Structure formats: C-alpha cells, structure tokens
N, C-alpha and C. Protein backbone atom coordinates (compact mmCIF):
# COMPACT_ATOMS: atom_id res chain seq x y z
N MET A 1 0.91 -1.26 0.20
CA MET A 1 0.22 -0.19 0.22
C MET A 1 1.21 1.31 0.18
N ALA A 2 0.37 2.08 -1.00
CA ALA A 2 1.64 3.87 -1.29
C ALA A 2 0.30 4.30 0.13
N ARG A 3 1.84 5.18 0.12
CA ARG A 3 1.24 6.98 0.85
C ARG A 3 0.20 7.29 0.46
N GLU A 4 0.16 7.30 -0.75
CA GLU A 4 -0.48 8.08 -1.15
C GLU A 4 -2.24 7.24 -1.47
N GLU A 5 -2.12 6.64 -0.93
CA GLU A 5 -3.28 5.83 -0.57
C GLU A 5 -3.92 5.91 0.16
N LEU A 6 -3.69 6.15 1.64
CA LEU A 6 -4.40 6.67 2.88
C LEU A 6 -4.23 7.51 3.37
N THR A 7 -5.44 8.50 4.23
CA THR A 7 -5.70 9.42 4.55
C THR A 7 -4.86 9.61 5.53
N ARG A 8 -4.34 11.07 5.76
CA ARG A 8 -3.97 11.94 6.97
C ARG A 8 -4.44 12.21 7.88
N LEU A 9 -4.31 11.67 8.67
CA LEU A 9 -5.15 12.44 10.23
C LEU A 9 -3.77 13.40 11.22
N THR A 10 -2.72 13.43 10.72
CA THR A 10 -1.81 14.12 11.48
C THR A 10 -0.68 14.63 11.28
N GLY A 11 0.57 15.59 11.61
CA GLY A 11 1.71 16.16 10.72
C GLY A 11 1.13 17.12 9.63
N ASN A 12 2.28 17.85 9.33
CA ASN A 12 2.34 18.46 8.54
C ASN A 12 2.37 18.63 7.35
N GLY A 13 2.52 17.53 7.13
CA GLY A 13 1.68 16.75 5.47
C GLY A 13 3.31 17.28 5.24
N ASN A 14 4.35 17.18 5.22
CA ASN A 14 5.52 17.20 4.17
C ASN A 14 6.04 15.77 3.45
N GLY A 15 6.28 14.44 4.66
CA GLY A 15 5.98 13.69 4.01
C GLY A 15 7.23 13.16 4.50
N GLU A 16 8.33 14.03 5.30
CA GLU A 16 9.54 13.51 5.57
C GLU A 16 10.16 13.82 6.89
N CYS A 17 10.24 12.59 7.48
CA CYS A 17 10.54 12.30 8.82
C CYS A 17 11.64 13.24 9.01
N GLY A 18 12.08 13.64 10.47
CA GLY A 18 12.63 14.11 11.14
C GLY A 18 12.97 16.17 10.23
N LYS A 19 11.97 16.48 10.20
CA LYS A 19 11.32 18.01 9.68
C LYS A 19 9.78 18.01 10.25
N ASP A 20 9.80 17.53 11.69
CA ASP A 20 8.52 17.80 12.31
C ASP A 20 7.30 17.18 12.07
N ASP A 21 7.66 15.96 10.74
CA ASP A 21 6.80 15.08 10.87
C ASP A 21 6.39 13.99 10.54
N CYS A 22 6.45 13.75 12.15
CA CYS A 22 6.95 11.91 12.97
C CYS A 22 6.75 12.37 13.73
N PRO A 23 5.95 11.79 14.59
CA PRO A 23 5.02 10.63 14.32
C PRO A 23 3.64 10.61 13.82
N ASN A 24 3.25 10.25 12.84
CA ASN A 24 1.97 10.49 12.41
C ASN A 24 0.33 8.87 12.31
N VAL A 25 -0.43 9.84 12.23
CA VAL A 25 -1.32 8.25 12.50
C VAL A 25 -2.06 8.68 10.78
N TYR A 26 -2.04 7.65 10.18
CA TYR A 26 -3.59 7.50 8.60
C TYR A 26 -4.13 6.57 8.85
N ARG A 27 -5.11 6.95 8.52
CA ARG A 27 -6.65 6.06 8.35
C ARG A 27 -6.47 5.32 6.93
N THR A 28 -7.32 4.37 6.91
CA THR A 28 -7.13 3.04 5.20
C THR A 28 -8.44 3.43 4.43
N ALA A 29 -8.50 2.75 3.49
CA ALA A 29 -9.90 2.91 2.71
C ALA A 29 -10.99 2.17 2.91
N SER A 30 -9.91 1.04 3.80
CA SER A 30 -10.93 -0.10 4.94
C SER A 30 -11.42 0.31 6.21
N GLY A 31 -11.11 1.29 6.71
CA GLY A 31 -11.52 2.27 8.10
C GLY A 31 -10.39 1.69 9.03
N SER A 32 -9.15 1.06 8.57
CA SER A 32 -7.87 0.71 10.23
C SER A 32 -7.11 1.84 10.03
N PHE A 33 -6.19 1.78 10.80
CA PHE A 33 -4.88 2.92 10.71
C PHE A 33 -3.25 2.15 10.49
N VAL A 34 -3.23 3.42 10.48
CA VAL A 34 -1.26 2.65 10.52
C VAL A 34 -1.02 3.89 11.69
N VAL A 35 -0.09 3.55 11.83
CA VAL A 35 0.52 4.24 12.82
C VAL A 35 2.68 4.28 12.26
N GLN A 36 2.71 5.76 12.44
CA GLN A 36 3.91 5.81 11.76
C GLN A 36 5.16 6.46 13.24
N GLY A 37 5.79 6.50 13.99
CA GLY A 37 6.58 6.60 15.15
C GLY A 37 7.91 6.21 15.37
N ASP A 38 8.44 5.88 16.73
CA ASP A 38 9.48 5.97 16.74
C ASP A 38 9.63 4.00 17.07
N VAL A 39 10.58 3.27 16.64
CA VAL A 39 10.00 1.56 17.30
C VAL A 39 10.41 1.68 19.02
N SER A 40 10.15 1.24 19.69
CA SER A 40 9.65 0.25 20.48
C SER A 40 10.46 -1.17 21.12
N LYS A 41 10.81 -1.01 21.85
CA LYS A 41 11.51 -2.60 22.43
C LYS A 41 10.40 -2.75 23.92
N ALA A 42 9.52 -2.08 23.76
CA ALA A 42 8.70 -2.58 25.20
C ALA A 42 8.07 -3.78 25.38
N PHE A 43 8.42 -4.51 24.22
CA PHE A 43 7.73 -6.16 24.55
C PHE A 43 8.63 -6.78 23.43
N SER A 44 8.12 -8.00 22.69
CA SER A 44 9.06 -8.35 21.52
C SER A 44 7.16 -8.92 21.52
N ALA A 45 7.27 -7.86 19.74
CA ALA A 45 6.31 -8.42 19.32
C ALA A 45 6.16 -9.68 18.50
N PRO A 46 5.02 -10.46 18.11
CA PRO A 46 4.92 -11.37 17.05
C PRO A 46 5.50 -11.48 16.25
N GLN A 47 5.78 -12.34 16.18
CA GLN A 47 6.58 -12.35 14.08
C GLN A 47 5.62 -11.74 13.24
N GLY A 48 5.38 -10.84 12.40
CA GLY A 48 5.80 -9.96 10.88
C GLY A 48 4.35 -9.05 11.84
N GLU A 49 4.37 -7.96 13.17
CA GLU A 49 3.93 -7.39 13.67
C GLU A 49 4.87 -6.38 14.08
N GLY A 50 4.95 -5.02 14.62
CA GLY A 50 6.33 -4.16 14.61
C GLY A 50 5.47 -3.83 16.01
N LEU A 51 6.05 -2.48 17.25
CA LEU A 51 5.47 -2.19 18.31
C LEU A 51 6.39 -0.68 17.45
N VAL A 52 5.49 0.68 17.59
CA VAL A 52 5.87 1.87 17.29
C VAL A 52 5.23 2.53 18.55
N GLU A 53 6.27 3.65 19.33
CA GLU A 53 5.45 4.74 19.94
C GLU A 53 5.21 5.88 19.55
N ILE A 54 4.18 6.54 19.58
CA ILE A 54 3.73 8.13 19.70
C ILE A 54 2.94 8.49 20.86
N PRO A 55 3.47 10.10 20.71
CA PRO A 55 2.85 10.85 22.11
C PRO A 55 1.12 10.32 21.64
N GLU A 56 0.55 10.99 23.63
CA GLU A 56 -0.92 10.71 23.05
C GLU A 56 -1.60 12.27 21.58
N GLU A 57 -0.53 13.51 22.48
CA GLU A 57 -1.02 14.64 21.34
C GLU A 57 -1.25 14.17 19.97
N THR A 58 -0.42 13.63 19.09
CA THR A 58 -0.88 12.86 18.32
C THR A 58 -1.84 12.55 17.39
N LEU A 59 -2.36 11.12 19.21
CA LEU A 59 -3.73 10.57 18.84
C LEU A 59 -4.82 11.38 18.74
N ARG A 60 -4.82 12.16 19.75
CA ARG A 60 -5.74 13.39 20.14
C ARG A 60 -5.75 14.05 18.70
N GLU A 61 -4.85 14.14 18.13
CA GLU A 61 -4.62 15.02 16.72
C GLU A 61 -5.79 14.48 15.55
N ALA A 62 -5.71 12.93 15.52
CA ALA A 62 -6.46 12.57 14.91
C ALA A 62 -7.72 11.87 15.50
N PHE A 63 -8.08 11.90 16.73
CA PHE A 63 -9.24 11.63 17.48
C PHE A 63 -10.20 12.99 16.65
N ARG A 64 -9.99 14.46 17.52
CA ARG A 64 -10.40 15.61 16.55
C ARG A 64 -10.56 15.91 14.71
N ALA A 65 -8.89 14.69 13.41
CA ALA A 65 -9.35 15.14 12.38
C ALA A 65 -10.58 14.13 12.04
N LEU A 66 -11.02 13.27 13.03
CA LEU A 66 -12.65 11.69 12.23
C LEU A 66 -13.44 12.69 13.25
N GLY A 67 -13.56 13.79 14.04
CA GLY A 67 -14.65 14.12 14.96
C GLY A 67 -15.03 13.86 16.09
N TRP A 68 -13.75 12.87 16.21
CA TRP A 68 -14.60 11.78 17.81
C TRP A 68 -14.01 12.20 19.18
C-alpha cells in the first residue's frame, strides 16, 4: 500500500521525517489505521508485527480529525 492511498490524520504533510513530520496516524480505505512513530522495544511483538511509540497529542490530533 502506498502512502498516497492513505488518509493522513496528523502532521504537517511534508512527508519527511526529521523535519517535524513524525509521528503520524493514517487511515486506510478499509477504515483501519497505520501508525508511524519511533520503534519501541517495550516487548517482542509476534512475527509479522511491530511496535511503535507515539505521543498522546498525536492520537488526540487524529481523533479531532475524525470528529471523535
């Protein structure tokens, strides 16, 4: 799935990490979410899965974008 196929819910939209553009939350066409953030080592995720860490404010921004 390409980034262009996702609805961006957070961030400034320039697509470049390291330039105040991360972390981010995206919504897929099927209604699920893709989260971009710092890799977390909190525990070992099952094979095929990963853990990312994002600030609370990023989730709040995504909720506001969805009207929740």
